[in-house]
Amino acid sequence: MNVANSPHFRPFKVIGIGATFSPNLTANLSEAARLSLFFDAKLVVIHVGEASPDKRQQFEAILSPFVAQGLCFECIFMPGKPVAVILHTTEALKIDLLIIGALQRENVLNYYLGSIARKVSRSVKCHILLLIKPSIKRVACNHIVVNGLENPKTEQSIHIACYVGAQLGASKMTIVEEIRHQEIHVNVKDDTSLRRATIVREKLRRREDSRVQNIVNAIPKTMKSQMSINTQSIFGKRGYSIGHYAEMARADLLVMNAHSKTRFWDRLFPHDIEHILTELPTDVLILQ
């Protein structure tokens, strides 16, 4: 049996969060604690810096209401460079999901130098959730948009997205199939070529819908019974198109496959996930 199809499927057993003493500390820890309870996971709070009683007491004070609900957590204090410490800790403690607060938009300087969140997301080996609007009080996750791109990772991504939706009580999921304009292979010059292009687009849409529907059909009913699951084909540049769609649809969460390789040239000429990292449309879950 495919593990993802098992009724005991739990992709997130250990959740980590990078915690700094910023104005969003309480909101970030609250979001991480809630998700840990929803996913029945242990929470690891990672602080880059020396340990102190005051720091530990502040973390414990924020998390105490969640401990009363059954949260299990531990704090890790480690001095060093933030990116290196976070990457080392996630691997050493076998963290399944890393949560990091992120800026929704970066200026050109930050984009090329790379913020901590972007640098970690490009190198981390576990799943990562980038939060742009953390909240102390829970804001319901109603609409999840998932990347349905034809890719070996997509089946797992849709399964995990359905799991997340079921645990968070989402009511709607849209699986977006990004189709490159190059696949149409028709130059529109007149009415005849326009009709031909329209026919090709419709065939591509049906092909993609059929492929995705086969994946959805294999998902246990318990993961999808409370959600309406729809497909949406969009034509355009991969990464940019789905990000724009998620923003226009006011999605609460965007689920994406991680990019296989990220090189310097990928950041100079961004594509796929790099478009998302440049301008986050909403909270983004990137699956390895």
C-alpha atoms as a PDB file:
ATOM      1  CA  MET A   1       0.000   0.000   0.000  1.00  0.00           C
ATOM      2  CA  ASN A   2       1.196   3.508  -0.794  1.00  0.00           C
ATOM      3  CA  VAL A   3       1.991   5.146   2.561  1.00  0.00           C
ATOM      4  CA  ALA A   4       0.225   8.305   1.414  1.00  0.00           C
ATOM      5  CA  ASN A   5      -2.974   6.290   0.938  1.00  0.00           C
ATOM      6  CA  SER A   6      -2.841   4.815   4.436  1.00  0.00           C
ATOM      7  CA  PRO A   7      -5.485   6.006   6.918  1.00  0.00           C
ATOM      8  CA  HIS A   8      -2.606   6.487   9.393  1.00  0.00           C
ATOM      9  CA  PHE A   9      -0.728   8.817   7.020  1.00  0.00           C
ATOM     10  CA  ARG A  10       1.161  11.465   9.063  1.00  0.00           C
ATOM     11  CA  PRO A  11       3.716  13.410   7.014  1.00  0.00           C
ATOM     12  CA  PHE A  12       4.550  15.838   9.841  1.00  0.00           C
ATOM     13  CA  LYS A  13       5.628  14.094  13.043  1.00  0.00           C
ATOM     14  CA  VAL A  14       8.165  16.731  14.108  1.00  0.00           C
ATOM     15  CA  ILE A  15       7.638  20.420  13.348  1.00  0.00           C
ATOM     16  CA  GLY A  16      10.372  23.007  13.776  1.00  0.00           C
ATOM     17  CA  ILE A  17      10.179  26.779  13.844  1.00  0.00           C
ATOM     18  CA  GLY A  18      12.935  29.341  13.660  1.00  0.00           C
ATOM     19  CA  ALA A  19      12.229  31.740  16.534  1.00  0.00           C
ATOM     20  CA  THR A  20      13.682  35.235  16.860  1.00  0.00           C
ATOM     21  CA  PHE A  21      12.659  37.927  19.314  1.00  0.00           C
ATOM     22  CA  SER A  22      10.867  39.972  16.679  1.00  0.00           C
ATOM     23  CA  PRO A  23       7.447  41.659  16.897  1.00  0.00           C
ATOM     24  CA  ASN A  24       5.958  38.521  15.304  1.00  0.00           C
ATOM     25  CA  LEU A  25       7.379  36.084  17.881  1.00  0.00           C
ATOM     26  CA  THR A  26       4.075  35.408  19.663  1.00  0.00           C
ATOM     27  CA  ALA A  27       2.147  35.098  16.396  1.00  0.00           C
ATOM     28  CA  ASN A  28       4.737  32.780  14.809  1.00  0.00           C
ATOM     29  CA  LEU A  29       4.930  30.499  17.845  1.00  0.00           C
ATOM     30  CA  SER A  30       1.132  30.455  18.134  1.00  0.00           C
ATOM     31  CA  GLU A  31       0.784  29.381  14.508  1.00  0.00           C
ATOM     32  CA  ALA A  32       3.430  26.676  14.936  1.00  0.00           C
ATOM     33  CA  ALA A  33       1.840  25.383  18.138  1.00  0.00           C
ATOM     34  CA  ARG A  34      -1.622  25.224  16.580  1.00  0.00           C
ATOM     35  CA  LEU A  35      -0.310  23.321  13.568  1.00  0.00           C
ATOM     36  CA  SER A  36       1.554  20.909  15.852  1.00  0.00           C
ATOM     37  CA  LEU A  37      -1.712  20.169  17.658  1.00  0.00           C
ATOM     38  CA  PHE A  38      -3.644  19.801  14.384  1.00  0.00           C
ATOM     39  CA  PHE A  39      -1.028  17.408  13.005  1.00  0.00           C
ATOM     40  CA  ASP A  40      -0.362  15.619  16.327  1.00  0.00           C
ATOM     41  CA  ALA A  41       3.310  16.559  16.034  1.00  0.00           C
ATOM     42  CA  LYS A  42       6.105  17.509  18.409  1.00  0.00           C
ATOM     43  CA  LEU A  43       7.241  21.140  18.178  1.00  0.00           C
ATOM     44  CA  VAL A  44      10.916  22.137  18.199  1.00  0.00           C
ATOM     45  CA  VAL A  45      11.630  25.828  18.780  1.00  0.00           C
ATOM     46  CA  ILE A  46      14.989  26.751  17.206  1.00  0.00           C
ATOM     47  CA  HIS A  47      16.649  29.916  18.475  1.00  0.00           C
ATOM     48  CA  VAL A  48      19.938  31.074  16.980  1.00  0.00           C
ATOM     49  CA  GLY A  49      21.766  32.378  20.017  1.00  0.00           C
ATOM     50  CA  GLU A  50      22.885  31.566  23.535  1.00  0.00           C
ATOM     51  CA  ALA A  51      20.417  30.058  25.983  1.00  0.00           C
ATOM     52  CA  SER A  52      19.221  32.080  28.953  1.00  0.00           C
ATOM     53  CA  PRO A  53      16.517  31.646  31.609  1.00  0.00           C
ATOM     54  CA  ASP A  54      14.712  34.759  30.354  1.00  0.00           C
ATOM     55  CA  LYS A  55      14.548  33.487  26.771  1.00  0.00           C
ATOM     56  CA  ARG A  56      13.350  30.054  27.824  1.00  0.00           C
ATOM     57  CA  GLN A  57      10.747  31.581  30.141  1.00  0.00           C
ATOM     58  CA  GLN A  58       9.404  33.785  27.336  1.00  0.00           C
ATOM     59  CA  PHE A  59       9.019  30.817  24.969  1.00  0.00           C
ATOM     60  CA  GLU A  60       7.324  28.777  27.681  1.00  0.00           C
ATOM     61  CA  ALA A  61       4.934  31.616  28.557  1.00  0.00           C
ATOM     62  CA  ILE A  62       3.785  31.944  24.936  1.00  0.00           C
ATOM     63  CA  LEU A  63       3.350  28.189  24.502  1.00  0.00           C
ATOM     64  CA  SER A  64       1.773  27.415  27.880  1.00  0.00           C
ATOM     65  CA  PRO A  65      -1.865  27.666  26.634  1.00  0.00           C
ATOM     66  CA  PHE A  66      -1.040  25.097  23.943  1.00  0.00           C
ATOM     67  CA  VAL A  67       0.772  22.823  26.406  1.00  0.00           C
ATOM     68  CA  ALA A  68      -2.493  22.756  28.350  1.00  0.00           C
ATOM     69  CA  GLN A  69      -4.095  21.367  25.171  1.00  0.00           C
ATOM     70  CA  GLY A  70      -1.488  18.615  24.858  1.00  0.00           C
ATOM     71  CA  LEU A  71       1.373  20.266  22.991  1.00  0.00           C
ATOM     72  CA  CYS A  72       4.787  18.616  23.367  1.00  0.00           C
ATOM     73  CA  PHE A  73       7.727  20.933  22.632  1.00  0.00           C
ATOM     74  CA  GLU A  74      11.407  21.511  23.245  1.00  0.00           C
ATOM     75  CA  CYS A  75      13.673  24.516  22.764  1.00  0.00           C
ATOM     76  CA  ILE A  76      17.019  24.367  20.988  1.00  0.00           C
ATOM     77  CA  PHE A  77      19.520  27.194  21.546  1.00  0.00           C
ATOM     78  CA  MET A  78      22.557  27.306  19.278  1.00  0.00           C
ATOM     79  CA  PRO A  79      24.858  30.251  18.456  1.00  0.00           C
ATOM     80  CA  GLY A  80      26.124  30.678  14.920  1.00  0.00           C
ATOM     81  CA  LYS A  81      24.999  31.844  11.515  1.00  0.00           C
ATOM     82  CA  PRO A  82      21.182  31.622  11.259  1.00  0.00           C
ATOM     83  CA  VAL A  83      20.959  29.679   8.004  1.00  0.00           C
ATOM     84  CA  ALA A  84      23.640  27.168   8.992  1.00  0.00           C
ATOM     85  CA  VAL A  85      22.135  26.614  12.452  1.00  0.00           C
ATOM     86  CA  ILE A  86      18.612  26.103  11.129  1.00  0.00           C
ATOM     87  CA  LEU A  87      19.723  23.707   8.382  1.00  0.00           C
ATOM     88  CA  HIS A  88      21.883  21.705  10.805  1.00  0.00           C
ATOM     89  CA  THR A  89      19.131  21.460  13.425  1.00  0.00           C
ATOM     90  CA  THR A  90      16.414  20.399  11.011  1.00  0.00           C
ATOM     91  CA  GLU A  91      18.586  17.580   9.742  1.00  0.00           C
ATOM     92  CA  ALA A  92      19.990  16.511  13.133  1.00  0.00           C
ATOM     93  CA  LEU A  93      16.549  16.346  14.767  1.00  0.00           C
ATOM     94  CA  LYS A  94      14.859  14.860  11.693  1.00  0.00           C
ATOM     95  CA  ILE A  95      12.320  17.662  11.459  1.00  0.00           C
ATOM     96  CA  ASP A  96       9.598  16.959   8.899  1.00  0.00           C
ATOM     97  CA  LEU A  97       8.189  20.472   8.548  1.00  0.00           C
ATOM     98  CA  LEU A  98      10.081  23.710   9.150  1.00  0.00           C
ATOM     99  CA  ILE A  99       8.098  26.914   9.723  1.00  0.00           C
ATOM    100  CA  ILE A 100       9.672  30.296   9.055  1.00  0.00           C
ATOM    101  CA  GLY A 101       8.211  33.781   9.065  1.00  0.00           C
ATOM    102  CA  ALA A 102       8.850  35.497   5.732  1.00  0.00           C
ATOM    103  CA  LEU A 103       8.434  38.861   4.063  1.00  0.00           C
ATOM    104  CA  GLN A 104       5.675  38.948   1.470  1.00  0.00           C
ATOM    105  CA  ARG A 105       7.780  40.992  -0.935  1.00  0.00           C
ATOM    106  CA  GLU A 106      11.471  41.722  -1.071  1.00  0.00           C
ATOM    107  CA  ASN A 107      13.222  44.636  -2.708  1.00  0.00           C
ATOM    108  CA  VAL A 108      15.826  43.989  -5.381  1.00  0.00           C
ATOM    109  CA  LEU A 109      18.740  44.100  -2.940  1.00  0.00           C
ATOM    110  CA  ASN A 110      17.174  41.543  -0.589  1.00  0.00           C
ATOM    111  CA  TYR A 111      16.245  39.322  -3.516  1.00  0.00           C
ATOM    112  CA  TYR A 112      19.806  38.972  -4.776  1.00  0.00           C
ATOM    113  CA  LEU A 113      21.415  38.738  -1.354  1.00  0.00           C
ATOM    114  CA  GLY A 114      18.639  36.499  -0.121  1.00  0.00           C
ATOM    115  CA  SER A 115      16.779  36.751   3.186  1.00  0.00           C
ATOM    116  CA  ILE A 116      17.146  33.998   5.765  1.00  0.00           C
ATOM    117  CA  ALA A 117      13.781  32.550   4.797  1.00  0.00           C
ATOM    118  CA  ARG A 118      14.682  32.386   1.108  1.00  0.00           C
ATOM    119  CA  LYS A 119      18.142  30.978   1.728  1.00  0.00           C
ATOM    120  CA  VAL A 120      16.784  28.270   4.022  1.00  0.00           C
ATOM    121  CA  SER A 121      13.974  27.372   1.629  1.00  0.00           C
ATOM    122  CA  ARG A 122      16.472  26.830  -1.187  1.00  0.00           C
ATOM    123  CA  SER A 123      18.660  24.442   0.825  1.00  0.00           C
ATOM    124  CA  VAL A 124      16.544  22.709   3.457  1.00  0.00           C
ATOM    125  CA  LYS A 125      15.869  18.995   2.969  1.00  0.00           C
ATOM    126  CA  CYS A 126      12.513  18.879   4.764  1.00  0.00           C
ATOM    127  CA  HIS A 127       9.147  20.417   3.921  1.00  0.00           C
ATOM    128  CA  ILE A 128       8.962  24.144   4.678  1.00  0.00           C
ATOM    129  CA  LEU A 129       6.087  26.512   5.441  1.00  0.00           C
ATOM    130  CA  LEU A 130       6.638  30.219   4.817  1.00  0.00           C
ATOM    131  CA  LEU A 131       4.281  32.405   6.870  1.00  0.00           C
ATOM    132  CA  ILE A 132       3.615  35.942   5.706  1.00  0.00           C
ATOM    133  CA  LYS A 133       0.676  36.799   7.978  1.00  0.00           C
ATOM    134  CA  PRO A 134       1.020  34.900  11.260  1.00  0.00           C
ATOM    135  CA  SER A 135      -1.775  35.458  13.775  1.00  0.00           C
ATOM    136  CA  ILE A 136      -2.013  35.028  17.536  1.00  0.00           C
ATOM    137  CA  LYS A 137      -5.658  34.034  17.171  1.00  0.00           C
ATOM    138  CA  ARG A 138      -6.469  31.394  14.616  1.00  0.00           C
ATOM    139  CA  VAL A 139      -7.534  32.482  11.141  1.00  0.00           C
ATOM    140  CA  ALA A 140      -9.337  29.636   9.379  1.00  0.00           C
ATOM    141  CA  CYS A 141      -7.722  28.052   6.329  1.00  0.00           C
ATOM    142  CA  ASN A 142     -10.619  27.763   3.888  1.00  0.00           C
ATOM    143  CA  HIS A 143      -9.071  27.619   0.416  1.00  0.00           C
ATOM    144  CA  ILE A 144      -5.940  25.698  -0.536  1.00  0.00           C
ATOM    145  CA  VAL A 145      -4.346  26.006  -3.983  1.00  0.00           C
ATOM    146  CA  VAL A 146      -2.082  23.134  -5.025  1.00  0.00           C
ATOM    147  CA  ASN A 147       0.416  22.849  -7.848  1.00  0.00           C
ATOM    148  CA  GLY A 148      -0.823  20.094 -10.186  1.00  0.00           C
ATOM    149  CA  LEU A 149       2.135  20.303 -12.549  1.00  0.00           C
ATOM    150  CA  GLU A 150       3.086  17.051 -14.279  1.00  0.00           C
ATOM    151  CA  ASN A 151       6.012  16.072 -12.095  1.00  0.00           C
ATOM    152  CA  PRO A 152       7.102  12.984 -10.137  1.00  0.00           C
ATOM    153  CA  LYS A 153       6.555  14.932  -6.885  1.00  0.00           C
ATOM    154  CA  THR A 154       3.029  16.099  -7.685  1.00  0.00           C
ATOM    155  CA  GLU A 155       1.154  12.988  -6.551  1.00  0.00           C
ATOM    156  CA  GLN A 156       2.731  13.236  -3.098  1.00  0.00           C
ATOM    157  CA  SER A 157       2.071  16.984  -2.980  1.00  0.00           C
ATOM    158  CA  ILE A 158      -1.639  16.559  -3.693  1.00  0.00           C
ATOM    159  CA  HIS A 159      -1.893  13.804  -1.072  1.00  0.00           C
ATOM    160  CA  ILE A 160      -0.208  15.971   1.556  1.00  0.00           C
ATOM    161  CA  ALA A 161      -2.324  18.986   0.585  1.00  0.00           C
ATOM    162  CA  CYS A 162      -5.473  16.906   1.088  1.00  0.00           C
ATOM    163  CA  TYR A 163      -4.161  15.759   4.463  1.00  0.00           C
ATOM    164  CA  VAL A 164      -3.461  19.366   5.482  1.00  0.00           C
ATOM    165  CA  GLY A 165      -6.881  20.464   4.269  1.00  0.00           C
ATOM    166  CA  ALA A 166      -8.617  17.690   6.214  1.00  0.00           C
ATOM    167  CA  GLN A 167      -6.718  18.450   9.434  1.00  0.00           C
ATOM    168  CA  LEU A 168      -7.310  22.201   9.166  1.00  0.00           C
ATOM    169  CA  GLY A 169     -10.938  21.904   8.118  1.00  0.00           C
ATOM    170  CA  ALA A 170     -10.543  23.574   4.716  1.00  0.00           C
ATOM    171  CA  SER A 171     -13.677  23.705   2.603  1.00  0.00           C
ATOM    172  CA  LYS A 172     -12.132  24.125  -0.843  1.00  0.00           C
ATOM    173  CA  MET A 173      -9.100  22.956  -2.772  1.00  0.00           C
ATOM    174  CA  THR A 174      -8.090  23.974  -6.274  1.00  0.00           C
ATOM    175  CA  ILE A 175      -5.477  21.924  -8.107  1.00  0.00           C
ATOM    176  CA  VAL A 176      -3.880  24.208 -10.668  1.00  0.00           C
ATOM    177  CA  GLU A 177      -2.376  22.718 -13.820  1.00  0.00           C
ATOM    178  CA  GLU A 178       0.145  25.124 -15.301  1.00  0.00           C
ATOM    179  CA  ILE A 179       0.526  24.606 -19.043  1.00  0.00           C
ATOM    180  CA  ARG A 180       3.234  26.389 -20.988  1.00  0.00           C
ATOM    181  CA  HIS A 181       2.144  28.363 -24.027  1.00  0.00           C
ATOM    182  CA  GLN A 182       4.876  26.533 -25.952  1.00  0.00           C
ATOM    183  CA  GLU A 183       2.849  23.314 -25.712  1.00  0.00           C
ATOM    184  CA  ILE A 184       0.160  24.739 -27.985  1.00  0.00           C
ATOM    185  CA  HIS A 185       2.521  24.791 -31.002  1.00  0.00           C
ATOM    186  CA  VAL A 186       0.189  27.068 -32.979  1.00  0.00           C
ATOM    187  CA  ASN A 187       0.962  30.625 -34.050  1.00  0.00           C
ATOM    188  CA  VAL A 188      -2.254  32.620 -34.069  1.00  0.00           C
ATOM    189  CA  LYS A 189      -2.352  34.659 -37.278  1.00  0.00           C
ATOM    190  CA  ASP A 190      -5.994  34.513 -38.342  1.00  0.00           C
ATOM    191  CA  ASP A 191      -9.378  33.033 -37.419  1.00  0.00           C
ATOM    192  CA  THR A 192      -8.381  29.552 -38.627  1.00  0.00           C
ATOM    193  CA  SER A 193      -5.224  29.396 -36.541  1.00  0.00           C
ATOM    194  CA  LEU A 194      -7.143  30.842 -33.581  1.00  0.00           C
ATOM    195  CA  ARG A 195      -9.684  27.997 -33.782  1.00  0.00           C
ATOM    196  CA  ARG A 196      -6.847  25.478 -34.071  1.00  0.00           C
ATOM    197  CA  ALA A 197      -5.143  26.948 -31.007  1.00  0.00           C
ATOM    198  CA  THR A 198      -8.424  26.837 -29.083  1.00  0.00           C
ATOM    199  CA  ILE A 199      -8.863  23.139 -29.915  1.00  0.00           C
ATOM    200  CA  VAL A 200      -5.300  22.364 -28.822  1.00  0.00           C
ATOM    201  CA  ARG A 201      -5.809  24.252 -25.557  1.00  0.00           C
ATOM    202  CA  GLU A 202      -8.985  22.290 -24.842  1.00  0.00           C
ATOM    203  CA  LYS A 203      -7.243  18.966 -25.523  1.00  0.00           C
ATOM    204  CA  LEU A 204      -4.399  19.921 -23.195  1.00  0.00           C
ATOM    205  CA  ARG A 205      -6.859  20.983 -20.507  1.00  0.00           C
ATOM    206  CA  ARG A 206      -8.744  17.667 -20.736  1.00  0.00           C
ATOM    207  CA  ARG A 207      -5.498  15.715 -20.621  1.00  0.00           C
ATOM    208  CA  GLU A 208      -4.338  17.528 -17.515  1.00  0.00           C
ATOM    209  CA  ASP A 209      -7.747  17.234 -15.815  1.00  0.00           C
ATOM    210  CA  SER A 210      -7.771  13.483 -16.439  1.00  0.00           C
ATOM    211  CA  ARG A 211      -4.240  13.047 -15.069  1.00  0.00           C
ATOM    212  CA  VAL A 212      -5.000  15.005 -11.902  1.00  0.00           C
ATOM    213  CA  GLN A 213      -8.366  13.322 -11.386  1.00  0.00           C
ATOM    214  CA  ASN A 214      -6.654   9.923 -11.335  1.00  0.00           C
ATOM    215  CA  ILE A 215      -4.465  11.170  -8.485  1.00  0.00           C
ATOM    216  CA  VAL A 216      -7.442  12.575  -6.572  1.00  0.00           C
ATOM    217  CA  ASN A 217      -9.409   9.331  -6.979  1.00  0.00           C
ATOM    218  CA  ALA A 218      -6.616   7.407  -5.204  1.00  0.00           C
ATOM    219  CA  ILE A 219      -6.787   9.608  -2.095  1.00  0.00           C
ATOM    220  CA  PRO A 220      -8.722   8.147   0.876  1.00  0.00           C
ATOM    221  CA  LYS A 221     -12.226   9.584   1.194  1.00  0.00           C
ATOM    222  CA  THR A 222     -11.549  10.618   4.785  1.00  0.00           C
ATOM    223  CA  MET A 223      -9.023  13.168   3.514  1.00  0.00           C
ATOM    224  CA  LYS A 224     -11.329  14.803   0.999  1.00  0.00           C
ATOM    225  CA  SER A 225     -14.920  14.259   2.132  1.00  0.00           C
ATOM    226  CA  GLN A 226     -15.232  17.737   3.695  1.00  0.00           C
ATOM    227  CA  MET A 227     -13.647  19.630   0.781  1.00  0.00           C
ATOM    228  CA  SER A 228     -14.777  20.494  -2.691  1.00  0.00           C
ATOM    229  CA  ILE A 229     -11.832  19.657  -4.958  1.00  0.00           C
ATOM    230  CA  ASN A 230     -11.654  21.392  -8.319  1.00  0.00           C
ATOM    231  CA  THR A 231      -9.095  21.576 -11.116  1.00  0.00           C
ATOM    232  CA  GLN A 232      -8.052  24.690 -12.982  1.00  0.00           C
ATOM    233  CA  SER A 233      -5.868  24.804 -16.082  1.00  0.00           C
ATOM    234  CA  ILE A 234      -3.923  28.011 -16.616  1.00  0.00           C
ATOM    235  CA  PHE A 235      -1.587  28.895 -19.465  1.00  0.00           C
ATOM    236  CA  GLY A 236       1.522  30.916 -18.746  1.00  0.00           C
ATOM    237  CA  LYS A 237       4.923  30.988 -17.082  1.00  0.00           C
ATOM    238  CA  ARG A 238       5.248  28.297 -14.451  1.00  0.00           C
ATOM    239  CA  GLY A 239       5.517  29.561 -10.910  1.00  0.00           C
ATOM    240  CA  TYR A 240       4.441  33.082 -11.771  1.00  0.00           C
ATOM    241  CA  SER A 241       1.054  31.949 -13.100  1.00  0.00           C
ATOM    242  CA  ILE A 242       0.052  29.859 -10.090  1.00  0.00           C
ATOM    243  CA  GLY A 243       1.272  32.544  -7.700  1.00  0.00           C
ATOM    244  CA  HIS A 244      -0.884  35.121  -9.459  1.00  0.00           C
ATOM    245  CA  TYR A 245      -3.843  32.718  -9.450  1.00  0.00           C
ATOM    246  CA  ALA A 246      -3.484  32.051  -5.699  1.00  0.00           C
ATOM    247  CA  GLU A 247      -3.404  35.776  -5.027  1.00  0.00           C
ATOM    248  CA  MET A 248      -6.448  36.513  -7.187  1.00  0.00           C
ATOM    249  CA  ALA A 249      -8.373  33.569  -5.685  1.00  0.00           C
ATOM    250  CA  ARG A 250      -7.470  34.810  -2.193  1.00  0.00           C
ATOM    251  CA  ALA A 251      -6.136  31.400  -1.248  1.00  0.00           C
ATOM    252  CA  ASP A 252      -5.152  30.866   2.371  1.00  0.00           C
ATOM    253  CA  LEU A 253      -2.374  28.424   1.481  1.00  0.00           C
ATOM    254  CA  LEU A 254      -0.389  27.637  -1.659  1.00  0.00           C
ATOM    255  CA  VAL A 255       1.206  24.181  -1.864  1.00  0.00           C
ATOM    256  CA  MET A 256       4.153  23.786  -4.244  1.00  0.00           C
ATOM    257  CA  ASN A 257       6.728  21.173  -5.210  1.00  0.00           C
ATOM    258  CA  ALA A 258      10.280  22.092  -4.273  1.00  0.00           C
ATOM    259  CA  HIS A 259      12.552  22.878  -7.205  1.00  0.00           C
ATOM    260  CA  SER A 260      15.092  20.125  -7.836  1.00  0.00           C
ATOM    261  CA  LYS A 261      18.104  22.408  -8.226  1.00  0.00           C
ATOM    262  CA  THR A 262      18.681  26.029  -7.340  1.00  0.00           C
ATOM    263  CA  ARG A 263      21.736  27.671  -8.808  1.00  0.00           C
ATOM    264  CA  PHE A 264      22.960  31.249  -8.973  1.00  0.00           C
ATOM    265  CA  TRP A 265      21.617  31.604 -12.507  1.00  0.00           C
ATOM    266  CA  ASP A 266      18.187  30.434 -11.316  1.00  0.00           C
ATOM    267  CA  ARG A 267      18.032  33.486  -9.077  1.00  0.00           C
ATOM    268  CA  LEU A 268      19.174  35.847 -11.802  1.00  0.00           C
ATOM    269  CA  PHE A 269      16.563  34.414 -14.189  1.00  0.00           C
ATOM    270  CA  PRO A 270      13.914  33.053 -11.780  1.00  0.00           C
ATOM    271  CA  HIS A 271      11.510  30.289 -12.752  1.00  0.00           C
ATOM    272  CA  ASP A 272       9.021  27.928 -11.104  1.00  0.00           C
ATOM    273  CA  ILE A 273       9.418  28.118  -7.306  1.00  0.00           C
ATOM    274  CA  GLU A 274      11.805  31.093  -7.560  1.00  0.00           C
ATOM    275  CA  HIS A 275       8.915  33.259  -8.759  1.00  0.00           C
ATOM    276  CA  ILE A 276       6.977  32.286  -5.640  1.00  0.00           C
ATOM    277  CA  LEU A 277       9.936  33.007  -3.343  1.00  0.00           C
ATOM    278  CA  THR A 278      10.358  36.466  -4.866  1.00  0.00           C
ATOM    279  CA  GLU A 279       6.795  37.596  -4.162  1.00  0.00           C
ATOM    280  CA  LEU A 280       4.816  35.357  -1.837  1.00  0.00           C
ATOM    281  CA  PRO A 281       1.092  35.523  -2.719  1.00  0.00           C
ATOM    282  CA  THR A 282       0.003  33.921   0.588  1.00  0.00           C
ATOM    283  CA  ASP A 283       1.380  31.412   3.078  1.00  0.00           C
ATOM    284  CA  VAL A 284       3.356  28.866   1.045  1.00  0.00           C
ATOM    285  CA  LEU A 285       4.017  25.203   1.825  1.00  0.00           C
ATOM    286  CA  ILE A 286       6.942  23.855  -0.203  1.00  0.00           C
ATOM    287  CA  LEU A 287       7.123  20.057  -0.309  1.00  0.00           C
ATOM    288  CA  GLN A 288      10.362  18.164  -0.898  1.00  0.00           C
END
